[in-house]
Amino acid sequence: MNRVEDFDVVVFDMDGVLIDSNRSKVQAMQRTIDELHTELSAEFIGYFESNFGKSRQQHFGVYRDMLSALLAGNLFAKLDLGFSTYSEEAYLSAQVIPGVRQLLAMLESKGVTLYVATGSPQEKACTVLQDKGLSRFFKAIYGGPVDKVSNLRKIQGAESTKRILFIGDSIQDIKSSEACDLNFALFAPYSLHSKASLMALKTERWVAELDSFDSLLPDETHV
């Protein structure tokens, strides 16, 4: 593969790529749905896991459709409040994935421009990455409610003459990368999807399947 530092721009997904938060966010959604309509919990959580990486507005829209016969009150507001509360707890305990700090510092030192494109709400993503000491590395952090494809295209527009690599961990990341015709590297150790299901979607624009970020670092930077 091309070395990651050989790209002019590297875009990272957040959950499962920078922060080990995928499973705890599924648990946060489980708690939210259980409090509202337990009878639909298993069906919706299955959908949520399979489509992880979409914005919460997209997920809540599917849940609204499931509840069409039962819908009462402002469902979106109830879902957003519950999921925001439990996600906040999840992020407090979530750890930065090993090798991330060193990789970002190495790329920054080599003049690579860094972005985040996440399905999580943009304001929350900025807060989480600031709290974890990572936000300073990024030129911009993009998230929901804007969908990932639109945010990736925004980055492409700003960096139109540059070689761009997107690093993601989900089916949604793969589909978004393909829609934007971007170079893609799969980072699957913390993914909610099996590696086999992700590899089945491989395209000619894939440049790597990464098992760790430490493998991208010079020996002297390993901690």
N, C-alpha and C. Protein backbone atom coordinates (compact mmCIF):
# COMPACT_ATOMS: atom_id res chain seq x y z
N MET A 1 0.83 -1.20 0.00
CA MET A 1 0.00 0.00 0.00
C MET A 1 0.87 1.25 0.00
N ASN A 2 0.29 2.37 -0.41
CA ASN A 2 0.94 3.65 -0.19
C ASN A 2 1.02 3.90 1.31
N ARG A 3 2.12 4.49 1.76
CA ARG A 3 2.19 4.85 3.16
C ARG A 3 1.14 5.91 3.45
N VAL A 4 0.55 5.85 4.65
CA VAL A 4 -0.52 6.79 4.96
C VAL A 4 -0.02 8.22 4.88
N GLU A 5 1.26 8.44 5.22
CA GLU A 5 1.80 9.80 5.17
C GLU A 5 2.07 10.29 3.75
N ASP A 6 1.93 9.40 2.76
CA ASP A 6 2.12 9.81 1.37
C ASP A 6 0.88 10.51 0.81
N PHE A 7 -0.24 10.43 1.52
CA PHE A 7 -1.44 11.15 1.11
C PHE A 7 -1.36 12.59 1.60
N ASP A 8 -1.98 13.49 0.85
CA ASP A 8 -2.00 14.90 1.25
C ASP A 8 -2.99 15.16 2.37
N VAL A 9 -4.09 14.39 2.35
CA VAL A 9 -5.18 14.57 3.31
C VAL A 9 -5.61 13.20 3.81
N VAL A 10 -5.79 13.08 5.12
CA VAL A 10 -6.33 11.84 5.70
C VAL A 10 -7.56 12.21 6.52
N VAL A 11 -8.66 11.51 6.23
CA VAL A 11 -9.93 11.73 6.93
C VAL A 11 -10.20 10.50 7.80
N PHE A 12 -10.52 10.73 9.06
CA PHE A 12 -10.81 9.65 10.00
C PHE A 12 -12.29 9.65 10.37
N ASP A 13 -12.89 8.46 10.40
CA ASP A 13 -14.12 8.29 11.15
C ASP A 13 -13.76 8.43 12.63
N MET A 14 -14.74 8.64 13.50
CA MET A 14 -14.42 8.81 14.92
C MET A 14 -14.66 7.54 15.73
N ASP A 15 -15.92 7.10 15.83
CA ASP A 15 -16.26 5.95 16.66
C ASP A 15 -15.68 4.68 16.06
N GLY A 16 -14.87 3.97 16.84
CA GLY A 16 -14.27 2.73 16.37
C GLY A 16 -13.00 2.92 15.59
N VAL A 17 -12.61 4.18 15.33
CA VAL A 17 -11.37 4.46 14.61
C VAL A 17 -10.44 5.33 15.48
N LEU A 18 -10.97 6.42 16.01
CA LEU A 18 -10.20 7.25 16.93
C LEU A 18 -10.51 6.90 18.39
N ILE A 19 -11.79 6.61 18.66
CA ILE A 19 -12.26 6.35 20.02
C ILE A 19 -12.91 4.97 20.08
N ASP A 20 -12.61 4.21 21.11
CA ASP A 20 -13.20 2.88 21.29
C ASP A 20 -14.59 3.04 21.92
N SER A 21 -15.57 3.41 21.09
CA SER A 21 -16.89 3.78 21.60
C SER A 21 -18.04 3.07 20.91
N ASN A 22 -17.77 2.22 19.94
CA ASN A 22 -18.86 1.58 19.19
C ASN A 22 -19.80 0.79 20.09
N ARG A 23 -19.24 -0.15 20.84
CA ARG A 23 -20.09 -1.03 21.65
C ARG A 23 -20.83 -0.26 22.73
N SER A 24 -20.17 0.72 23.34
CA SER A 24 -20.83 1.48 24.40
C SER A 24 -21.95 2.35 23.84
N LYS A 25 -21.83 2.78 22.57
CA LYS A 25 -22.92 3.56 21.97
C LYS A 25 -24.11 2.67 21.62
N VAL A 26 -23.85 1.44 21.23
CA VAL A 26 -24.95 0.49 21.02
C VAL A 26 -25.69 0.28 22.34
N GLN A 27 -24.94 0.14 23.44
CA GLN A 27 -25.56 -0.02 24.75
C GLN A 27 -26.36 1.21 25.14
N ALA A 28 -25.86 2.40 24.76
CA ALA A 28 -26.60 3.64 25.03
C ALA A 28 -27.92 3.66 24.27
N MET A 29 -27.89 3.22 23.01
CA MET A 29 -29.12 3.16 22.23
C MET A 29 -30.07 2.11 22.81
N GLN A 30 -29.53 0.99 23.26
CA GLN A 30 -30.35 -0.06 23.86
C GLN A 30 -31.10 0.48 25.08
N ARG A 31 -30.41 1.21 25.94
CA ARG A 31 -31.05 1.78 27.13
C ARG A 31 -32.13 2.78 26.74
N THR A 32 -31.86 3.58 25.70
CA THR A 32 -32.83 4.57 25.25
C THR A 32 -34.11 3.91 24.74
N ILE A 33 -33.96 2.91 23.88
CA ILE A 33 -35.12 2.24 23.30
C ILE A 33 -35.88 1.45 24.35
N ASP A 34 -35.17 0.80 25.26
CA ASP A 34 -35.82 0.02 26.32
C ASP A 34 -36.76 0.89 27.15
N GLU A 35 -36.37 2.15 27.35
CA GLU A 35 -37.19 3.04 28.17
C GLU A 35 -38.45 3.50 27.44
N LEU A 36 -38.45 3.39 26.11
CA LEU A 36 -39.59 3.88 25.33
C LEU A 36 -40.53 2.77 24.90
N HIS A 37 -40.00 1.79 24.19
CA HIS A 37 -40.84 0.72 23.64
C HIS A 37 -40.03 -0.58 23.62
N THR A 38 -40.07 -1.28 24.72
CA THR A 38 -39.27 -2.49 24.86
C THR A 38 -39.58 -3.52 23.78
N GLU A 39 -40.83 -3.57 23.31
CA GLU A 39 -41.22 -4.61 22.36
C GLU A 39 -40.52 -4.47 21.01
N LEU A 40 -40.00 -3.28 20.71
CA LEU A 40 -39.29 -3.08 19.44
C LEU A 40 -37.78 -3.03 19.62
N SER A 41 -37.32 -3.22 20.84
CA SER A 41 -35.91 -3.01 21.14
C SER A 41 -34.99 -3.90 20.32
N ALA A 42 -35.23 -5.21 20.33
CA ALA A 42 -34.33 -6.14 19.66
C ALA A 42 -34.27 -5.87 18.16
N GLU A 43 -35.44 -5.62 17.55
CA GLU A 43 -35.48 -5.37 16.10
C GLU A 43 -34.70 -4.11 15.74
N PHE A 44 -34.91 -3.05 16.51
CA PHE A 44 -34.25 -1.80 16.16
C PHE A 44 -32.76 -1.84 16.46
N ILE A 45 -32.35 -2.44 17.56
CA ILE A 45 -30.93 -2.51 17.89
C ILE A 45 -30.19 -3.33 16.83
N GLY A 46 -30.83 -4.36 16.30
CA GLY A 46 -30.23 -5.11 15.20
C GLY A 46 -30.00 -4.22 14.00
N TYR A 47 -30.98 -3.38 13.68
CA TYR A 47 -30.83 -2.42 12.58
C TYR A 47 -29.71 -1.43 12.88
N PHE A 48 -29.68 -0.92 14.11
CA PHE A 48 -28.70 0.10 14.50
C PHE A 48 -27.27 -0.42 14.35
N GLU A 49 -27.03 -1.63 14.82
CA GLU A 49 -25.69 -2.22 14.70
C GLU A 49 -25.31 -2.42 13.24
N SER A 50 -26.25 -2.90 12.44
CA SER A 50 -25.95 -3.19 11.03
C SER A 50 -25.70 -1.93 10.22
N ASN A 51 -26.23 -0.81 10.68
CA ASN A 51 -26.11 0.45 9.94
C ASN A 51 -25.34 1.51 10.73
N PHE A 52 -24.48 1.05 11.63
CA PHE A 52 -23.70 1.98 12.46
C PHE A 52 -22.87 2.89 11.56
N GLY A 53 -22.86 4.18 11.90
CA GLY A 53 -22.13 5.15 11.09
C GLY A 53 -23.05 6.17 10.46
N LYS A 54 -24.35 5.85 10.36
CA LYS A 54 -25.31 6.83 9.88
C LYS A 54 -25.58 7.84 11.00
N SER A 55 -26.17 8.97 10.65
CA SER A 55 -26.49 9.97 11.66
C SER A 55 -27.64 9.48 12.52
N ARG A 56 -27.75 10.03 13.74
CA ARG A 56 -28.84 9.61 14.61
C ARG A 56 -30.20 9.98 14.01
N GLN A 57 -30.26 11.06 13.22
CA GLN A 57 -31.53 11.42 12.59
C GLN A 57 -31.99 10.33 11.63
N GLN A 58 -31.04 9.73 10.90
CA GLN A 58 -31.40 8.64 9.99
C GLN A 58 -31.89 7.42 10.78
N HIS A 59 -31.18 7.11 11.87
CA HIS A 59 -31.60 5.97 12.70
C HIS A 59 -32.98 6.22 13.31
N PHE A 60 -33.20 7.41 13.83
CA PHE A 60 -34.47 7.70 14.48
C PHE A 60 -35.62 7.69 13.48
N GLY A 61 -35.33 8.07 12.23
CA GLY A 61 -36.37 8.02 11.20
C GLY A 61 -36.85 6.60 10.96
N VAL A 62 -35.92 5.64 10.97
CA VAL A 62 -36.29 4.23 10.81
C VAL A 62 -37.12 3.78 12.00
N TYR A 63 -36.71 4.18 13.20
CA TYR A 63 -37.46 3.80 14.40
C TYR A 63 -38.87 4.39 14.37
N ARG A 64 -38.98 5.62 13.90
CA ARG A 64 -40.29 6.26 13.78
C ARG A 64 -41.19 5.44 12.87
N ASP A 65 -40.63 4.96 11.76
CA ASP A 65 -41.42 4.15 10.83
C ASP A 65 -41.86 2.84 11.48
N MET A 66 -40.97 2.24 12.29
CA MET A 66 -41.34 1.02 13.00
C MET A 66 -42.49 1.27 13.98
N LEU A 67 -42.53 2.49 14.49
CA LEU A 67 -43.51 2.84 15.52
C LEU A 67 -44.74 3.56 14.96
N SER A 68 -44.91 3.54 13.66
CA SER A 68 -45.93 4.38 13.04
C SER A 68 -47.31 4.19 13.65
N ALA A 69 -47.62 2.97 14.05
CA ALA A 69 -48.94 2.71 14.63
C ALA A 69 -49.02 3.10 16.11
N LEU A 70 -47.84 3.30 16.73
CA LEU A 70 -47.80 3.57 18.16
C LEU A 70 -47.36 4.99 18.48
N LEU A 71 -47.00 5.73 17.44
CA LEU A 71 -46.36 7.02 17.64
C LEU A 71 -47.22 7.97 18.46
N ALA A 72 -46.61 8.54 19.49
CA ALA A 72 -47.30 9.51 20.32
C ALA A 72 -46.28 10.52 20.82
N GLY A 73 -46.62 11.80 20.78
CA GLY A 73 -45.72 12.82 21.28
C GLY A 73 -44.55 13.05 20.35
N ASN A 74 -43.57 13.77 20.84
CA ASN A 74 -42.40 14.11 20.04
C ASN A 74 -41.35 13.03 20.20
N LEU A 75 -41.44 12.00 19.36
CA LEU A 75 -40.55 10.85 19.48
C LEU A 75 -39.10 11.23 19.28
N PHE A 76 -38.82 12.08 18.26
CA PHE A 76 -37.44 12.45 18.00
C PHE A 76 -36.81 13.12 19.21
N ALA A 77 -37.56 13.99 19.87
CA ALA A 77 -37.02 14.69 21.04
C ALA A 77 -36.73 13.71 22.17
N LYS A 78 -37.64 12.74 22.37
CA LYS A 78 -37.43 11.75 23.43
C LYS A 78 -36.21 10.88 23.13
N LEU A 79 -36.09 10.45 21.88
CA LEU A 79 -34.95 9.63 21.50
C LEU A 79 -33.65 10.40 21.63
N ASP A 80 -33.65 11.63 21.16
CA ASP A 80 -32.43 12.43 21.18
C ASP A 80 -31.98 12.70 22.61
N LEU A 81 -32.92 13.01 23.49
CA LEU A 81 -32.57 13.27 24.88
C LEU A 81 -32.00 12.03 25.54
N GLY A 82 -32.67 10.89 25.36
CA GLY A 82 -32.19 9.66 25.99
C GLY A 82 -30.85 9.23 25.45
N PHE A 83 -30.71 9.21 24.12
CA PHE A 83 -29.47 8.75 23.52
C PHE A 83 -28.32 9.71 23.83
N SER A 84 -28.60 11.01 23.85
CA SER A 84 -27.56 11.98 24.18
C SER A 84 -27.06 11.78 25.61
N THR A 85 -27.98 11.53 26.52
CA THR A 85 -27.62 11.34 27.93
C THR A 85 -26.74 10.10 28.10
N TYR A 86 -27.17 8.99 27.51
CA TYR A 86 -26.42 7.75 27.68
C TYR A 86 -25.12 7.74 26.87
N SER A 87 -25.12 8.42 25.72
CA SER A 87 -23.89 8.53 24.94
C SER A 87 -22.85 9.36 25.68
N GLU A 88 -23.31 10.38 26.38
CA GLU A 88 -22.40 11.21 27.18
C GLU A 88 -21.67 10.35 28.19
N GLU A 89 -22.41 9.47 28.86
CA GLU A 89 -21.79 8.56 29.83
C GLU A 89 -20.81 7.62 29.12
N ALA A 90 -21.20 7.14 27.94
CA ALA A 90 -20.34 6.21 27.21
C ALA A 90 -19.02 6.86 26.81
N TYR A 91 -19.08 8.09 26.34
CA TYR A 91 -17.86 8.77 25.89
C TYR A 91 -16.92 9.10 27.05
N LEU A 92 -17.48 9.33 28.24
CA LEU A 92 -16.63 9.65 29.38
C LEU A 92 -15.65 8.52 29.68
N SER A 93 -16.12 7.28 29.52
CA SER A 93 -15.28 6.13 29.84
C SER A 93 -14.56 5.56 28.61
N ALA A 94 -14.94 6.00 27.42
CA ALA A 94 -14.33 5.46 26.19
C ALA A 94 -12.87 5.90 26.09
N GLN A 95 -12.03 4.99 25.62
CA GLN A 95 -10.60 5.25 25.52
C GLN A 95 -10.20 5.59 24.08
N VAL A 96 -9.17 6.42 23.97
CA VAL A 96 -8.56 6.65 22.66
C VAL A 96 -7.90 5.35 22.22
N ILE A 97 -8.12 4.97 20.98
CA ILE A 97 -7.59 3.71 20.47
C ILE A 97 -6.05 3.76 20.42
N PRO A 98 -5.39 2.69 20.85
CA PRO A 98 -3.93 2.67 20.88
C PRO A 98 -3.30 3.05 19.54
N GLY A 99 -2.30 3.89 19.60
CA GLY A 99 -1.57 4.32 18.41
C GLY A 99 -2.12 5.56 17.76
N VAL A 100 -3.34 5.98 18.13
CA VAL A 100 -3.97 7.13 17.48
C VAL A 100 -3.18 8.41 17.72
N ARG A 101 -2.83 8.69 18.97
CA ARG A 101 -2.12 9.95 19.27
C ARG A 101 -0.80 10.02 18.50
N GLN A 102 -0.07 8.92 18.52
CA GLN A 102 1.22 8.90 17.84
C GLN A 102 1.07 9.04 16.33
N LEU A 103 0.03 8.39 15.77
CA LEU A 103 -0.19 8.48 14.33
C LEU A 103 -0.56 9.91 13.92
N LEU A 104 -1.45 10.54 14.67
CA LEU A 104 -1.85 11.91 14.35
C LEU A 104 -0.66 12.86 14.45
N ALA A 105 0.16 12.68 15.48
CA ALA A 105 1.33 13.54 15.64
C ALA A 105 2.32 13.33 14.50
N MET A 106 2.50 12.09 14.08
CA MET A 106 3.42 11.79 12.99
C MET A 106 2.92 12.41 11.68
N LEU A 107 1.63 12.26 11.41
CA LEU A 107 1.07 12.83 10.18
C LEU A 107 1.15 14.35 10.19
N GLU A 108 0.85 14.94 11.34
CA GLU A 108 0.95 16.40 11.46
C GLU A 108 2.37 16.87 11.19
N SER A 109 3.35 16.15 11.71
CA SER A 109 4.75 16.55 11.54
C SER A 109 5.19 16.47 10.08
N LYS A 110 4.51 15.66 9.29
CA LYS A 110 4.85 15.50 7.88
C LYS A 110 3.99 16.37 6.97
N GLY A 111 3.18 17.24 7.57
CA GLY A 111 2.40 18.19 6.79
C GLY A 111 1.13 17.65 6.18
N VAL A 112 0.66 16.49 6.67
CA VAL A 112 -0.59 15.92 6.17
C VAL A 112 -1.76 16.66 6.82
N THR A 113 -2.75 17.04 6.03
CA THR A 113 -3.94 17.71 6.54
C THR A 113 -4.93 16.67 7.03
N LEU A 114 -5.46 16.86 8.23
CA LEU A 114 -6.31 15.85 8.87
C LEU A 114 -7.72 16.38 9.10
N TYR A 115 -8.70 15.50 8.87
CA TYR A 115 -10.11 15.81 9.10
C TYR A 115 -10.76 14.65 9.84
N VAL A 116 -11.95 14.93 10.40
CA VAL A 116 -12.84 13.89 10.91
C VAL A 116 -14.17 14.00 10.17
N ALA A 117 -14.71 12.84 9.76
CA ALA A 117 -16.06 12.77 9.20
C ALA A 117 -16.77 11.64 9.93
N THR A 118 -17.74 11.99 10.77
CA THR A 118 -18.40 11.02 11.63
C THR A 118 -19.91 11.13 11.52
N GLY A 119 -20.60 10.04 11.84
CA GLY A 119 -22.05 10.08 11.88
C GLY A 119 -22.57 10.66 13.18
N SER A 120 -21.71 10.79 14.18
CA SER A 120 -22.11 11.40 15.45
C SER A 120 -22.37 12.89 15.26
N PRO A 121 -23.20 13.49 16.12
CA PRO A 121 -23.48 14.93 15.98
C PRO A 121 -22.18 15.74 16.01
N GLN A 122 -22.09 16.72 15.14
CA GLN A 122 -20.85 17.47 14.99
C GLN A 122 -20.42 18.16 16.28
N GLU A 123 -21.36 18.79 16.96
CA GLU A 123 -21.01 19.48 18.20
C GLU A 123 -20.48 18.51 19.24
N LYS A 124 -21.13 17.34 19.35
CA LYS A 124 -20.67 16.33 20.31
C LYS A 124 -19.31 15.79 19.92
N ALA A 125 -19.09 15.55 18.63
CA ALA A 125 -17.79 15.05 18.17
C ALA A 125 -16.68 16.03 18.52
N CYS A 126 -16.92 17.31 18.32
CA CYS A 126 -15.92 18.33 18.66
C CYS A 126 -15.60 18.30 20.15
N THR A 127 -16.64 18.16 20.97
CA THR A 127 -16.44 18.14 22.43
C THR A 127 -15.68 16.90 22.86
N VAL A 128 -16.07 15.75 22.32
CA VAL A 128 -15.41 14.49 22.69
C VAL A 128 -13.93 14.53 22.31
N LEU A 129 -13.64 14.96 21.10
CA LEU A 129 -12.25 14.97 20.64
C LEU A 129 -11.42 16.01 21.39
N GLN A 130 -12.05 17.10 21.78
CA GLN A 130 -11.34 18.08 22.60
C GLN A 130 -11.05 17.50 23.98
N ASP A 131 -12.04 16.84 24.58
CA ASP A 131 -11.85 16.24 25.90
C ASP A 131 -10.77 15.17 25.90
N LYS A 132 -10.63 14.47 24.77
CA LYS A 132 -9.63 13.41 24.66
C LYS A 132 -8.27 13.94 24.21
N GLY A 133 -8.18 15.26 23.98
CA GLY A 133 -6.92 15.86 23.58
C GLY A 133 -6.54 15.63 22.13
N LEU A 134 -7.54 15.40 21.26
CA LEU A 134 -7.26 15.09 19.86
C LEU A 134 -7.68 16.19 18.89
N SER A 135 -8.56 17.08 19.30
CA SER A 135 -9.15 18.04 18.35
C SER A 135 -8.11 18.94 17.71
N ARG A 136 -7.02 19.21 18.40
CA ARG A 136 -6.01 20.14 17.88
C ARG A 136 -5.35 19.65 16.60
N PHE A 137 -5.44 18.35 16.34
CA PHE A 137 -4.78 17.80 15.16
C PHE A 137 -5.58 18.05 13.87
N PHE A 138 -6.86 18.38 13.99
CA PHE A 138 -7.74 18.37 12.82
C PHE A 138 -8.04 19.77 12.29
N LYS A 139 -8.00 19.88 10.98
CA LYS A 139 -8.37 21.13 10.32
C LYS A 139 -9.86 21.40 10.51
N ALA A 140 -10.67 20.34 10.46
CA ALA A 140 -12.11 20.47 10.69
C ALA A 140 -12.66 19.13 11.13
N ILE A 141 -13.73 19.19 11.92
CA ILE A 141 -14.44 18.00 12.40
C ILE A 141 -15.87 18.11 11.93
N TYR A 142 -16.29 17.18 11.06
CA TYR A 142 -17.63 17.23 10.48
C TYR A 142 -18.45 16.04 10.98
N GLY A 143 -19.74 16.31 11.27
CA GLY A 143 -20.61 15.25 11.74
C GLY A 143 -22.06 15.55 11.45
N GLY A 144 -22.96 14.82 12.14
CA GLY A 144 -24.39 14.99 11.94
C GLY A 144 -24.87 16.35 12.42
N PRO A 145 -26.05 16.76 11.96
CA PRO A 145 -27.02 15.95 11.21
C PRO A 145 -26.71 15.78 9.72
N VAL A 146 -25.67 16.43 9.22
CA VAL A 146 -25.30 16.25 7.81
C VAL A 146 -24.79 14.82 7.61
N ASP A 147 -25.20 14.16 6.54
CA ASP A 147 -24.78 12.78 6.31
C ASP A 147 -23.31 12.72 5.91
N LYS A 148 -22.73 11.54 6.05
CA LYS A 148 -21.28 11.38 5.87
C LYS A 148 -20.84 11.65 4.44
N VAL A 149 -21.64 11.23 3.46
CA VAL A 149 -21.28 11.48 2.06
C VAL A 149 -21.16 12.98 1.80
N SER A 150 -22.12 13.75 2.29
CA SER A 150 -22.09 15.20 2.09
C SER A 150 -20.87 15.82 2.76
N ASN A 151 -20.52 15.32 3.94
CA ASN A 151 -19.35 15.86 4.63
C ASN A 151 -18.05 15.49 3.92
N LEU A 152 -17.98 14.28 3.40
CA LEU A 152 -16.79 13.89 2.64
C LEU A 152 -16.66 14.73 1.37
N ARG A 153 -17.77 15.01 0.73
CA ARG A 153 -17.73 15.85 -0.47
C ARG A 153 -17.34 17.29 -0.13
N LYS A 154 -17.71 17.73 1.05
CA LYS A 154 -17.29 19.06 1.49
C LYS A 154 -15.76 19.11 1.62
N ILE A 155 -15.19 18.05 2.17
CA ILE A 155 -13.73 17.97 2.29
C ILE A 155 -13.09 17.90 0.91
N GLN A 156 -13.67 17.11 0.02
CA GLN A 156 -13.14 17.03 -1.35
C GLN A 156 -13.16 18.40 -2.02
N GLY A 157 -14.21 19.16 -1.78
CA GLY A 157 -14.30 20.49 -2.37
C GLY A 157 -13.23 21.43 -1.85
N ALA A 158 -12.92 21.29 -0.56
CA ALA A 158 -11.90 22.16 0.05
C ALA A 158 -10.49 21.73 -0.32
N GLU A 159 -10.32 20.45 -0.67
CA GLU A 159 -8.99 19.90 -0.95
C GLU A 159 -8.97 19.29 -2.36
N SER A 160 -9.50 20.01 -3.32
CA SER A 160 -9.80 19.44 -4.64
C SER A 160 -8.58 18.95 -5.41
N THR A 161 -7.41 19.48 -5.13
CA THR A 161 -6.22 19.06 -5.88
C THR A 161 -5.39 18.05 -5.11
N LYS A 162 -5.88 17.59 -3.99
CA LYS A 162 -5.08 16.76 -3.09
C LYS A 162 -5.48 15.28 -3.18
N ARG A 163 -4.53 14.41 -2.82
CA ARG A 163 -4.80 12.97 -2.70
C ARG A 163 -5.36 12.72 -1.30
N ILE A 164 -6.57 12.15 -1.25
CA ILE A 164 -7.29 12.01 0.01
C ILE A 164 -7.47 10.53 0.35
N LEU A 165 -7.25 10.20 1.62
CA LEU A 165 -7.48 8.85 2.14
C LEU A 165 -8.51 8.94 3.26
N PHE A 166 -9.51 8.06 3.23
CA PHE A 166 -10.51 7.98 4.29
C PHE A 166 -10.29 6.67 5.04
N ILE A 167 -10.17 6.75 6.37
CA ILE A 167 -9.99 5.56 7.21
C ILE A 167 -11.28 5.34 8.00
N GLY A 168 -11.93 4.19 7.80
CA GLY A 168 -13.19 3.91 8.46
C GLY A 168 -13.30 2.47 8.89
N ASP A 169 -14.41 2.16 9.58
CA ASP A 169 -14.55 0.82 10.17
C ASP A 169 -15.90 0.18 9.93
N SER A 170 -16.78 0.83 9.18
CA SER A 170 -18.15 0.32 9.07
C SER A 170 -18.59 0.18 7.62
N ILE A 171 -19.68 -0.54 7.44
CA ILE A 171 -20.28 -0.66 6.11
C ILE A 171 -20.67 0.72 5.60
N GLN A 172 -21.18 1.57 6.49
CA GLN A 172 -21.54 2.93 6.10
C GLN A 172 -20.33 3.71 5.62
N ASP A 173 -19.19 3.52 6.27
CA ASP A 173 -17.96 4.20 5.84
C ASP A 173 -17.55 3.73 4.44
N ILE A 174 -17.64 2.44 4.21
CA ILE A 174 -17.27 1.89 2.91
C ILE A 174 -18.17 2.45 1.81
N LYS A 175 -19.48 2.45 2.06
CA LYS A 175 -20.42 2.96 1.07
C LYS A 175 -20.22 4.45 0.82
N SER A 176 -19.94 5.20 1.88
CA SER A 176 -19.72 6.64 1.73
C SER A 176 -18.45 6.91 0.95
N SER A 177 -17.40 6.16 1.24
CA SER A 177 -16.14 6.32 0.51
C SER A 177 -16.33 6.01 -0.97
N GLU A 178 -17.06 4.94 -1.25
CA GLU A 178 -17.30 4.55 -2.64
C GLU A 178 -18.12 5.61 -3.37
N ALA A 179 -19.13 6.17 -2.68
CA ALA A 179 -19.97 7.19 -3.29
C ALA A 179 -19.16 8.43 -3.68
N CYS A 180 -18.09 8.68 -2.92
CA CYS A 180 -17.24 9.85 -3.18
C CYS A 180 -15.99 9.50 -3.99
N ASP A 181 -15.85 8.22 -4.35
CA ASP A 181 -14.69 7.75 -5.12
C ASP A 181 -13.38 8.11 -4.43
N LEU A 182 -13.32 7.80 -3.12
CA LEU A 182 -12.14 8.10 -2.32
C LEU A 182 -11.27 6.87 -2.12
N ASN A 183 -9.98 7.09 -1.93
CA ASN A 183 -9.12 6.02 -1.44
C ASN A 183 -9.58 5.65 -0.04
N PHE A 184 -9.56 4.35 0.27
CA PHE A 184 -10.12 3.89 1.55
C PHE A 184 -9.18 2.90 2.22
N ALA A 185 -9.05 3.04 3.54
CA ALA A 185 -8.33 2.06 4.36
C ALA A 185 -9.28 1.57 5.44
N LEU A 186 -9.41 0.27 5.56
CA LEU A 186 -10.29 -0.34 6.55
C LEU A 186 -9.53 -0.55 7.86
N PHE A 187 -10.12 -0.06 8.95
CA PHE A 187 -9.58 -0.32 10.29
C PHE A 187 -10.67 -1.04 11.07
N ALA A 188 -10.55 -2.36 11.18
CA ALA A 188 -11.67 -3.18 11.65
C ALA A 188 -11.59 -3.73 13.07
N PRO A 189 -10.50 -3.57 13.83
CA PRO A 189 -10.42 -4.23 15.13
C PRO A 189 -11.55 -3.88 16.09
N TYR A 190 -12.13 -2.69 15.98
CA TYR A 190 -13.18 -2.26 16.91
C TYR A 190 -14.54 -2.15 16.22
N SER A 191 -14.63 -2.67 15.00
CA SER A 191 -15.86 -2.56 14.22
C SER A 191 -16.96 -3.42 14.81
N LEU A 192 -18.21 -3.01 14.58
CA LEU A 192 -19.36 -3.82 14.96
C LEU A 192 -19.66 -4.89 13.92
N HIS A 193 -19.04 -4.79 12.76
CA HIS A 193 -19.26 -5.75 11.68
C HIS A 193 -18.13 -6.77 11.65
N SER A 194 -18.42 -7.97 11.18
CA SER A 194 -17.36 -8.95 11.00
C SER A 194 -16.43 -8.48 9.88
N LYS A 195 -15.16 -8.85 9.99
CA LYS A 195 -14.22 -8.43 8.96
C LYS A 195 -14.60 -9.03 7.61
N ALA A 196 -15.16 -10.25 7.63
CA ALA A 196 -15.56 -10.90 6.38
C ALA A 196 -16.64 -10.09 5.67
N SER A 197 -17.62 -9.58 6.44
CA SER A 197 -18.69 -8.80 5.82
C SER A 197 -18.17 -7.48 5.26
N LEU A 198 -17.16 -6.93 5.90
CA LEU A 198 -16.57 -5.69 5.40
C LEU A 198 -15.72 -5.96 4.16
N MET A 199 -14.94 -7.02 4.20
CA MET A 199 -14.07 -7.35 3.07
C MET A 199 -14.88 -7.71 1.82
N ALA A 200 -16.10 -8.18 2.01
CA ALA A 200 -16.95 -8.52 0.87
C ALA A 200 -17.31 -7.29 0.04
N LEU A 201 -17.13 -6.11 0.63
CA LEU A 201 -17.47 -4.86 -0.06
C LEU A 201 -16.23 -4.17 -0.64
N LYS A 202 -15.11 -4.86 -0.65
CA LYS A 202 -13.86 -4.26 -1.10
C LYS A 202 -13.95 -3.78 -2.54
N THR A 203 -13.38 -2.59 -2.78
CA THR A 203 -13.36 -2.02 -4.13
C THR A 203 -11.91 -1.75 -4.54
N GLU A 204 -11.74 -1.34 -5.79
CA GLU A 204 -10.39 -1.08 -6.31
C GLU A 204 -9.75 0.14 -5.67
N ARG A 205 -10.52 0.97 -4.97
CA ARG A 205 -9.96 2.15 -4.33
C ARG A 205 -9.42 1.86 -2.93
N TRP A 206 -9.57 0.61 -2.46
CA TRP A 206 -9.02 0.25 -1.16
C TRP A 206 -7.50 0.22 -1.25
N VAL A 207 -6.85 0.79 -0.25
CA VAL A 207 -5.39 0.77 -0.23
C VAL A 207 -4.83 -0.07 0.91
N ALA A 208 -5.67 -0.41 1.90
CA ALA A 208 -5.14 -1.19 3.03
C ALA A 208 -6.26 -1.72 3.91
N GLU A 209 -5.95 -2.83 4.61
CA GLU A 209 -6.75 -3.31 5.73
C GLU A 209 -5.84 -3.27 6.94
N LEU A 210 -6.14 -2.41 7.89
CA LEU A 210 -5.26 -2.16 9.02
C LEU A 210 -5.70 -2.94 10.26
N ASP A 211 -4.77 -3.66 10.88
CA ASP A 211 -5.07 -4.38 12.11
C ASP A 211 -4.69 -3.57 13.35
N SER A 212 -3.85 -2.57 13.17
CA SER A 212 -3.48 -1.67 14.26
C SER A 212 -2.88 -0.41 13.66
N PHE A 213 -2.87 0.66 14.45
CA PHE A 213 -2.21 1.88 14.00
C PHE A 213 -0.72 1.84 14.31
N ASP A 214 -0.33 1.04 15.29
CA ASP A 214 1.09 0.93 15.61
C ASP A 214 1.90 0.48 14.40
N SER A 215 1.27 -0.33 13.54
CA SER A 215 1.99 -0.85 12.37
C SER A 215 2.35 0.25 11.37
N LEU A 216 1.71 1.41 11.49
CA LEU A 216 1.97 2.52 10.58
C LEU A 216 3.06 3.45 11.09
N LEU A 217 3.50 3.21 12.33
CA LEU A 217 4.43 4.13 12.98
C LEU A 217 5.87 3.67 12.86
N PRO A 218 6.81 4.61 12.75
CA PRO A 218 8.22 4.25 12.85
C PRO A 218 8.49 3.60 14.21
N ASP A 219 9.44 2.71 14.28
CA ASP A 219 9.70 1.97 15.51
C ASP A 219 9.92 2.88 16.71
N GLU A 220 10.58 4.01 16.50
CA GLU A 220 10.93 4.87 17.63
C GLU A 220 9.73 5.60 18.22
N THR A 221 8.57 5.59 17.51
CA THR A 221 7.39 6.28 18.03
C THR A 221 6.47 5.35 18.79
N HIS A 222 6.71 4.05 18.78
CA HIS A 222 5.85 3.11 19.48
C HIS A 222 5.92 3.36 20.98
N VAL A 223 4.75 3.32 21.62
CA VAL A 223 4.68 3.51 23.07
C VAL A 223 3.98 2.31 23.68
